[in-house]
ModelCIF file with pLDDT and N, C-alpha, C, O atoms, coordinates in Angstrom:
data_MODEL
#
_entry.id   MODEL 
#
_entity.id                         1 
_entity.type                       polymer 
_entity.pdbx_number_of_molecules   1 
#
_entity_poly.entity_id                      1 
_entity_poly.type                           'polypeptide(L)' 
_entity_poly.nstd_linkage                   no 
_entity_poly.nstd_monomer                   no 
_entity_poly.pdbx_seq_one_letter_code       SDNLDLTVNSFENEDVIIYLYDLQGRLIIESNHQ 
_entity_poly.pdbx_seq_one_letter_code_can   SDNLDLTVNSFENEDVIIYLYDLQGRLIIESNHQ 
_entity_poly.pdbx_strand_id                 A 
#
loop_
_entity_poly_seq.entity_id 
_entity_poly_seq.num 
_entity_poly_seq.mon_id 
_entity_poly_seq.hetero 
1 1  SER n 
1 2  ASP n 
1 3  ASN n 
1 4  LEU n 
1 5  ASP n 
1 6  LEU n 
1 7  THR n 
1 8  VAL n 
1 9  ASN n 
1 10 SER n 
1 11 PHE n 
1 12 GLU n 
1 13 ASN n 
1 14 GLU n 
1 15 ASP n 
1 16 VAL n 
1 17 ILE n 
1 18 ILE n 
1 19 TYR n 
1 20 LEU n 
1 21 TYR n 
1 22 ASP n 
1 23 LEU n 
1 24 GLN n 
1 25 GLY n 
1 26 ARG n 
1 27 LEU n 
1 28 ILE n 
1 29 ILE n 
1 30 GLU n 
1 31 SER n 
1 32 ASN n 
1 33 HIS n 
1 34 GLN n 
#
_struct_asym.id          A 
_struct_asym.entity_id   1 
#
loop_
_ma_qa_metric.id 
_ma_qa_metric.mode 
_ma_qa_metric.name 
_ma_qa_metric.software_group_id 
_ma_qa_metric.type 
1 global pLDDT . pLDDT 
2 local  pLDDT . pLDDT 
#
_ma_qa_metric_global.metric_id      1 
_ma_qa_metric_global.metric_value   93.00 
_ma_qa_metric_global.model_id       1 
_ma_qa_metric_global.ordinal_id     1 
#
loop_
_ma_qa_metric_local.label_asym_id 
_ma_qa_metric_local.label_comp_id 
_ma_qa_metric_local.label_seq_id 
_ma_qa_metric_local.metric_id 
_ma_qa_metric_local.metric_value 
_ma_qa_metric_local.model_id 
_ma_qa_metric_local.ordinal_id 
A SER 1  2 74.00 1 1  
A ASP 2  2 82.00 1 2  
A ASN 3  2 87.00 1 3  
A LEU 4  2 90.00 1 4  
A ASP 5  2 92.00 1 5  
A LEU 6  2 93.00 1 6  
A THR 7  2 93.00 1 7  
A VAL 8  2 92.00 1 8  
A ASN 9  2 92.00 1 9  
A SER 10 2 90.00 1 10 
A PHE 11 2 88.00 1 11 
A GLU 12 2 92.00 1 12 
A ASN 13 2 95.00 1 13 
A GLU 14 2 95.00 1 14 
A ASP 15 2 96.00 1 15 
A VAL 16 2 96.00 1 16 
A ILE 17 2 97.00 1 17 
A ILE 18 2 96.00 1 18 
A TYR 19 2 97.00 1 19 
A LEU 20 2 95.00 1 20 
A TYR 21 2 96.00 1 21 
A ASP 22 2 94.00 1 22 
A LEU 23 2 93.00 1 23 
A GLN 24 2 95.00 1 24 
A GLY 25 2 95.00 1 25 
A ARG 26 2 95.00 1 26 
A LEU 27 2 96.00 1 27 
A ILE 28 2 93.00 1 28 
A ILE 29 2 93.00 1 29 
A GLU 30 2 96.00 1 30 
A SER 31 2 95.00 1 31 
A ASN 32 2 97.00 1 32 
A HIS 33 2 96.00 1 33 
A GLN 34 2 96.00 1 34 
#
loop_
_atom_site.group_PDB 
_atom_site.id 
_atom_site.type_symbol 
_atom_site.label_atom_id 
_atom_site.label_alt_id 
_atom_site.label_comp_id 
_atom_site.label_asym_id 
_atom_site.label_entity_id 
_atom_site.label_seq_id 
_atom_site.pdbx_PDB_ins_code 
_atom_site.Cartn_x 
_atom_site.Cartn_y 
_atom_site.Cartn_z 
_atom_site.occupancy 
_atom_site.B_iso_or_equiv 
_atom_site.pdbx_formal_charge 
_atom_site.auth_seq_id 
_atom_site.auth_comp_id 
_atom_site.auth_asym_id 
_atom_site.auth_atom_id 
_atom_site.pdbx_PDB_model_num 
ATOM 1   N N  . SER A 1 1  ? 0.808  -1.218 0.000   1.00 74.00 ? 1  SER A N  1 
ATOM 2   C CA . SER A 1 1  ? 0.000  0.000  0.000   1.00 74.00 ? 1  SER A CA 1 
ATOM 3   C C  . SER A 1 1  ? 0.844  1.272  0.000   1.00 74.00 ? 1  SER A C  1 
ATOM 4   O O  . SER A 1 1  ? 0.606  2.156  -0.824  1.00 74.00 ? 1  SER A O  1 
ATOM 5   N N  . ASP A 1 2  ? 1.806  1.390  0.885   1.00 82.00 ? 2  ASP A N  1 
ATOM 6   C CA . ASP A 1 2  ? 2.658  2.586  0.900   1.00 82.00 ? 2  ASP A CA 1 
ATOM 7   C C  . ASP A 1 2  ? 4.110  2.258  1.238   1.00 82.00 ? 2  ASP A C  1 
ATOM 8   O O  . ASP A 1 2  ? 4.854  3.121  1.705   1.00 82.00 ? 2  ASP A O  1 
ATOM 9   N N  . ASN A 1 3  ? 4.507  1.015  1.003   1.00 87.00 ? 3  ASN A N  1 
ATOM 10  C CA . ASN A 1 3  ? 5.882  0.583  1.250   1.00 87.00 ? 3  ASN A CA 1 
ATOM 11  C C  . ASN A 1 3  ? 6.459  -0.066 -0.004  1.00 87.00 ? 3  ASN A C  1 
ATOM 12  O O  . ASN A 1 3  ? 5.767  -0.781 -0.729  1.00 87.00 ? 3  ASN A O  1 
ATOM 13  N N  . LEU A 1 4  ? 7.735  0.196  -0.240  1.00 90.00 ? 4  LEU A N  1 
ATOM 14  C CA . LEU A 1 4  ? 8.448  -0.426 -1.345  1.00 90.00 ? 4  LEU A CA 1 
ATOM 15  C C  . LEU A 1 4  ? 9.588  -1.231 -0.760  1.00 90.00 ? 4  LEU A C  1 
ATOM 16  O O  . LEU A 1 4  ? 10.481 -0.677 -0.119  1.00 90.00 ? 4  LEU A O  1 
ATOM 17  N N  . ASP A 1 5  ? 9.562  -2.536 -0.977  1.00 92.00 ? 5  ASP A N  1 
ATOM 18  C CA . ASP A 1 5  ? 10.614 -3.437 -0.504  1.00 92.00 ? 5  ASP A CA 1 
ATOM 19  C C  . ASP A 1 5  ? 11.472 -3.847 -1.691  1.00 92.00 ? 5  ASP A C  1 
ATOM 20  O O  . ASP A 1 5  ? 10.971 -4.387 -2.677  1.00 92.00 ? 5  ASP A O  1 
ATOM 21  N N  . LEU A 1 6  ? 12.770 -3.585 -1.586  1.00 93.00 ? 6  LEU A N  1 
ATOM 22  C CA . LEU A 1 6  ? 13.716 -3.926 -2.639  1.00 93.00 ? 6  LEU A CA 1 
ATOM 23  C C  . LEU A 1 6  ? 14.668 -4.993 -2.150  1.00 93.00 ? 6  LEU A C  1 
ATOM 24  O O  . LEU A 1 6  ? 15.061 -4.994 -0.983  1.00 93.00 ? 6  LEU A O  1 
ATOM 25  N N  . THR A 1 7  ? 15.040 -5.900 -3.032  1.00 93.00 ? 7  THR A N  1 
ATOM 26  C CA . THR A 1 7  ? 16.131 -6.834 -2.783  1.00 93.00 ? 7  THR A CA 1 
ATOM 27  C C  . THR A 1 7  ? 17.157 -6.595 -3.873  1.00 93.00 ? 7  THR A C  1 
ATOM 28  O O  . THR A 1 7  ? 16.876 -6.775 -5.058  1.00 93.00 ? 7  THR A O  1 
ATOM 29  N N  . VAL A 1 8  ? 18.347 -6.188 -3.462  1.00 92.00 ? 8  VAL A N  1 
ATOM 30  C CA . VAL A 1 8  ? 19.417 -5.862 -4.406  1.00 92.00 ? 8  VAL A CA 1 
ATOM 31  C C  . VAL A 1 8  ? 20.556 -6.845 -4.193  1.00 92.00 ? 8  VAL A C  1 
ATOM 32  O O  . VAL A 1 8  ? 21.086 -6.964 -3.088  1.00 92.00 ? 8  VAL A O  1 
ATOM 33  N N  . ASN A 1 9  ? 20.929 -7.547 -5.251  1.00 92.00 ? 9  ASN A N  1 
ATOM 34  C CA . ASN A 1 9  ? 22.061 -8.472 -5.192  1.00 92.00 ? 9  ASN A CA 1 
ATOM 35  C C  . ASN A 1 9  ? 23.290 -7.707 -5.656  1.00 92.00 ? 9  ASN A C  1 
ATOM 36  O O  . ASN A 1 9  ? 23.410 -7.369 -6.834  1.00 92.00 ? 9  ASN A O  1 
ATOM 37  N N  . SER A 1 10 ? 24.200 -7.436 -4.732  1.00 90.00 ? 10 SER A N  1 
ATOM 38  C CA . SER A 1 10 ? 25.387 -6.648 -5.020  1.00 90.00 ? 10 SER A CA 1 
ATOM 39  C C  . SER A 1 10 ? 26.620 -7.552 -5.110  1.00 90.00 ? 10 SER A C  1 
ATOM 40  O O  . SER A 1 10 ? 26.752 -8.519 -4.360  1.00 90.00 ? 10 SER A O  1 
ATOM 41  N N  . PHE A 1 11 ? 27.509 -7.224 -6.032  1.00 88.00 ? 11 PHE A N  1 
ATOM 42  C CA . PHE A 1 11 ? 28.735 -7.992 -6.204  1.00 88.00 ? 11 PHE A CA 1 
ATOM 43  C C  . PHE A 1 11 ? 29.809 -7.600 -5.203  1.00 88.00 ? 11 PHE A C  1 
ATOM 44  O O  . PHE A 1 11 ? 30.789 -8.324 -5.027  1.00 88.00 ? 11 PHE A O  1 
ATOM 45  N N  . GLU A 1 12 ? 29.632 -6.455 -4.544  1.00 92.00 ? 12 GLU A N  1 
ATOM 46  C CA . GLU A 1 12 ? 30.625 -5.985 -3.576  1.00 92.00 ? 12 GLU A CA 1 
ATOM 47  C C  . GLU A 1 12 ? 29.984 -4.965 -2.640  1.00 92.00 ? 12 GLU A C  1 
ATOM 48  O O  . GLU A 1 12 ? 28.849 -4.542 -2.859  1.00 92.00 ? 12 GLU A O  1 
ATOM 49  N N  . ASN A 1 13 ? 30.704 -4.577 -1.610  1.00 95.00 ? 13 ASN A N  1 
ATOM 50  C CA . ASN A 1 13 ? 30.236 -3.543 -0.704  1.00 95.00 ? 13 ASN A CA 1 
ATOM 51  C C  . ASN A 1 13 ? 30.327 -2.196 -1.410  1.00 95.00 ? 13 ASN A C  1 
ATOM 52  O O  . ASN A 1 13 ? 31.348 -1.876 -2.018  1.00 95.00 ? 13 ASN A O  1 
ATOM 53  N N  . GLU A 1 14 ? 29.260 -1.410 -1.328  1.00 95.00 ? 14 GLU A N  1 
ATOM 54  C CA . GLU A 1 14 ? 29.313 -0.064 -1.898  1.00 95.00 ? 14 GLU A CA 1 
ATOM 55  C C  . GLU A 1 14 ? 28.153 0.783  -1.389  1.00 95.00 ? 14 GLU A C  1 
ATOM 56  O O  . GLU A 1 14 ? 27.091 0.273  -1.034  1.00 95.00 ? 14 GLU A O  1 
ATOM 57  N N  . ASP A 1 15 ? 28.391 2.091  -1.365  1.00 96.00 ? 15 ASP A N  1 
ATOM 58  C CA . ASP A 1 15 ? 27.344 3.049  -1.051  1.00 96.00 ? 15 ASP A CA 1 
ATOM 59  C C  . ASP A 1 15 ? 26.533 3.296  -2.312  1.00 96.00 ? 15 ASP A C  1 
ATOM 60  O O  . ASP A 1 15 ? 27.089 3.417  -3.404  1.00 96.00 ? 15 ASP A O  1 
ATOM 61  N N  . VAL A 1 16 ? 25.202 3.371  -2.155  1.00 96.00 ? 16 VAL A N  1 
ATOM 62  C CA . VAL A 1 16 ? 24.332 3.628  -3.300  1.00 96.00 ? 16 VAL A CA 1 
ATOM 63  C C  . VAL A 1 16 ? 23.314 4.697  -2.939  1.00 96.00 ? 16 VAL A C  1 
ATOM 64  O O  . VAL A 1 16 ? 23.040 4.957  -1.767  1.00 96.00 ? 16 VAL A O  1 
ATOM 65  N N  . ILE A 1 17 ? 22.768 5.302  -3.970  1.00 97.00 ? 17 ILE A N  1 
ATOM 66  C CA . ILE A 1 17 ? 21.633 6.207  -3.823  1.00 97.00 ? 17 ILE A CA 1 
ATOM 67  C C  . ILE A 1 17 ? 20.501 5.619  -4.651  1.00 97.00 ? 17 ILE A C  1 
ATOM 68  O O  . ILE A 1 17 ? 20.679 5.290  -5.824  1.00 97.00 ? 17 ILE A O  1 
ATOM 69  N N  . ILE A 1 18 ? 19.335 5.491  -4.026  1.00 96.00 ? 18 ILE A N  1 
ATOM 70  C CA . ILE A 1 18 ? 18.156 4.966  -4.710  1.00 96.00 ? 18 ILE A CA 1 
ATOM 71  C C  . ILE A 1 18 ? 17.304 6.154  -5.142  1.00 96.00 ? 18 ILE A C  1 
ATOM 72  O O  . ILE A 1 18 ? 16.948 7.013  -4.335  1.00 96.00 ? 18 ILE A O  1 
ATOM 73  N N  . TYR A 1 19 ? 16.988 6.181  -6.430  1.00 97.00 ? 19 TYR A N  1 
ATOM 74  C CA . TYR A 1 19 ? 16.136 7.230  -6.985  1.00 97.00 ? 19 TYR A CA 1 
ATOM 75  C C  . TYR A 1 19 ? 14.878 6.579  -7.535  1.00 97.00 ? 19 TYR A C  1 
ATOM 76  O O  . TYR A 1 19 ? 14.946 5.543  -8.196  1.00 97.00 ? 19 TYR A O  1 
ATOM 77  N N  . LEU A 1 20 ? 13.731 7.185  -7.264  1.00 95.00 ? 20 LEU A N  1 
ATOM 78  C CA . LEU A 1 20 ? 12.460 6.759  -7.845  1.00 95.00 ? 20 LEU A CA 1 
ATOM 79  C C  . LEU A 1 20 ? 11.917 7.938  -8.643  1.00 95.00 ? 20 LEU A C  1 
ATOM 80  O O  . LEU A 1 20 ? 11.684 9.017  -8.096  1.00 95.00 ? 20 LEU A O  1 
ATOM 81  N N  . TYR A 1 21 ? 11.714 7.720  -9.958  1.00 96.00 ? 21 TYR A N  1 
ATOM 82  C CA . TYR A 1 21 ? 11.239 8.762  -10.855 1.00 96.00 ? 21 TYR A CA 1 
ATOM 83  C C  . TYR A 1 21 ? 9.898  8.357  -11.453 1.00 96.00 ? 21 TYR A C  1 
ATOM 84  O O  . TYR A 1 21 ? 9.623  7.171  -11.635 1.00 96.00 ? 21 TYR A O  1 
ATOM 85  N N  . ASP A 1 22 ? 9.057  9.360  -11.760 1.00 94.00 ? 22 ASP A N  1 
ATOM 86  C CA . ASP A 1 22 ? 7.872  9.070  -12.561 1.00 94.00 ? 22 ASP A CA 1 
ATOM 87  C C  . ASP A 1 22 ? 8.280  9.146  -14.031 1.00 94.00 ? 22 ASP A C  1 
ATOM 88  O O  . ASP A 1 22 ? 9.425  9.474  -14.339 1.00 94.00 ? 22 ASP A O  1 
ATOM 89  N N  . LEU A 1 23 ? 7.351  8.845  -14.938 1.00 93.00 ? 23 LEU A N  1 
ATOM 90  C CA . LEU A 1 23 ? 7.707  8.808  -16.357 1.00 93.00 ? 23 LEU A CA 1 
ATOM 91  C C  . LEU A 1 23 ? 7.976  10.187 -16.944 1.00 93.00 ? 23 LEU A C  1 
ATOM 92  O O  . LEU A 1 23 ? 8.529  10.292 -18.039 1.00 93.00 ? 23 LEU A O  1 
ATOM 93  N N  . GLN A 1 24 ? 7.594  11.243 -16.237 1.00 95.00 ? 24 GLN A N  1 
ATOM 94  C CA . GLN A 1 24 ? 7.905  12.601 -16.682 1.00 95.00 ? 24 GLN A CA 1 
ATOM 95  C C  . GLN A 1 24 ? 9.296  13.036 -16.214 1.00 95.00 ? 24 GLN A C  1 
ATOM 96  O O  . GLN A 1 24 ? 9.732  14.151 -16.499 1.00 95.00 ? 24 GLN A O  1 
ATOM 97  N N  . GLY A 1 25 ? 9.988  12.146 -15.494 1.00 95.00 ? 25 GLY A N  1 
ATOM 98  C CA . GLY A 1 25 ? 11.333 12.450 -15.037 1.00 95.00 ? 25 GLY A CA 1 
ATOM 99  C C  . GLY A 1 25 ? 11.392 13.180 -13.709 1.00 95.00 ? 25 GLY A C  1 
ATOM 100 O O  . GLY A 1 25 ? 12.466 13.615 -13.293 1.00 95.00 ? 25 GLY A O  1 
ATOM 101 N N  . ARG A 1 26 ? 10.254 13.322 -13.034 1.00 95.00 ? 26 ARG A N  1 
ATOM 102 C CA . ARG A 1 26 ? 10.239 13.991 -11.728 1.00 95.00 ? 26 ARG A CA 1 
ATOM 103 C C  . ARG A 1 26 ? 10.728 13.035 -10.651 1.00 95.00 ? 26 ARG A C  1 
ATOM 104 O O  . ARG A 1 26 ? 10.313 11.877 -10.595 1.00 95.00 ? 26 ARG A O  1 
ATOM 105 N N  . LEU A 1 27 ? 11.610 13.530 -9.804  1.00 96.00 ? 27 LEU A N  1 
ATOM 106 C CA . LEU A 1 27 ? 12.149 12.730 -8.707  1.00 96.00 ? 27 LEU A CA 1 
ATOM 107 C C  . LEU A 1 27 ? 11.106 12.606 -7.606  1.00 96.00 ? 27 LEU A C  1 
ATOM 108 O O  . LEU A 1 27 ? 10.606 13.613 -7.105  1.00 96.00 ? 27 LEU A O  1 
ATOM 109 N N  . ILE A 1 28 ? 10.776 11.370 -7.227  1.00 93.00 ? 28 ILE A N  1 
ATOM 110 C CA . ILE A 1 28 ? 9.792  11.105 -6.179  1.00 93.00 ? 28 ILE A CA 1 
ATOM 111 C C  . ILE A 1 28 ? 10.499 10.817 -4.856  1.00 93.00 ? 28 ILE A C  1 
ATOM 112 O O  . ILE A 1 28 ? 10.108 11.330 -3.808  1.00 93.00 ? 28 ILE A O  1 
ATOM 113 N N  . ILE A 1 29 ? 11.549 9.986  -4.917  1.00 93.00 ? 29 ILE A N  1 
ATOM 114 C CA . ILE A 1 29 ? 12.279 9.576  -3.708  1.00 93.00 ? 29 ILE A CA 1 
ATOM 115 C C  . ILE A 1 29 ? 13.775 9.581  -4.020  1.00 93.00 ? 29 ILE A C  1 
ATOM 116 O O  . ILE A 1 29 ? 14.196 9.217  -5.118  1.00 93.00 ? 29 ILE A O  1 
ATOM 117 N N  . GLU A 1 30 ? 14.562 9.997  -3.040  1.00 96.00 ? 30 GLU A N  1 
ATOM 118 C CA . GLU A 1 30 ? 16.017 9.850  -3.076  1.00 96.00 ? 30 GLU A CA 1 
ATOM 119 C C  . GLU A 1 30 ? 16.432 9.339  -1.705  1.00 96.00 ? 30 GLU A C  1 
ATOM 120 O O  . GLU A 1 30 ? 16.100 9.946  -0.688  1.00 96.00 ? 30 GLU A O  1 
ATOM 121 N N  . SER A 1 31 ? 17.158 8.225  -1.672  1.00 95.00 ? 31 SER A N  1 
ATOM 122 C CA . SER A 1 31 ? 17.497 7.591  -0.398  1.00 95.00 ? 31 SER A CA 1 
ATOM 123 C C  . SER A 1 31 ? 18.884 6.956  -0.475  1.00 95.00 ? 31 SER A C  1 
ATOM 124 O O  . SER A 1 31 ? 19.179 6.231  -1.426  1.00 95.00 ? 31 SER A O  1 
ATOM 125 N N  . ASN A 1 32 ? 19.737 7.221  0.517   1.00 97.00 ? 32 ASN A N  1 
ATOM 126 C CA . ASN A 1 32 ? 21.100 6.676  0.582   1.00 97.00 ? 32 ASN A CA 1 
ATOM 127 C C  . ASN A 1 32 ? 21.117 5.368  1.365   1.00 97.00 ? 32 ASN A C  1 
ATOM 128 O O  . ASN A 1 32 ? 20.438 5.228  2.382   1.00 97.00 ? 32 ASN A O  1 
ATOM 129 N N  . HIS A 1 33 ? 21.915 4.400  0.866   1.00 96.00 ? 33 HIS A N  1 
ATOM 130 C CA . HIS A 1 33 ? 22.029 3.101  1.536   1.00 96.00 ? 33 HIS A CA 1 
ATOM 131 C C  . HIS A 1 33 ? 23.418 2.529  1.339   1.00 96.00 ? 33 HIS A C  1 
ATOM 132 O O  . HIS A 1 33 ? 24.125 2.888  0.398   1.00 96.00 ? 33 HIS A O  1 
ATOM 133 N N  . GLN A 1 34 ? 23.803 1.631  2.240   1.00 96.00 ? 34 GLN A N  1 
ATOM 134 C CA . GLN A 1 34 ? 25.061 0.892  2.146   1.00 96.00 ? 34 GLN A CA 1 
ATOM 135 C C  . GLN A 1 34 ? 24.727 -0.546 1.770   1.00 96.00 ? 34 GLN A C  1 
ATOM 136 O O  . GLN A 1 34 ? 25.628 -1.372 1.630   1.00 96.00 ? 34 GLN A O  1 
#
């Protein structure tokens, strides 16, 4: 309903930024993760 669960298979340790965009290119979410 209002949660997005991601599973990311990474080849190594790294810092990432997750971006969620609509089709018009507007940024909806920006979130930093390790």
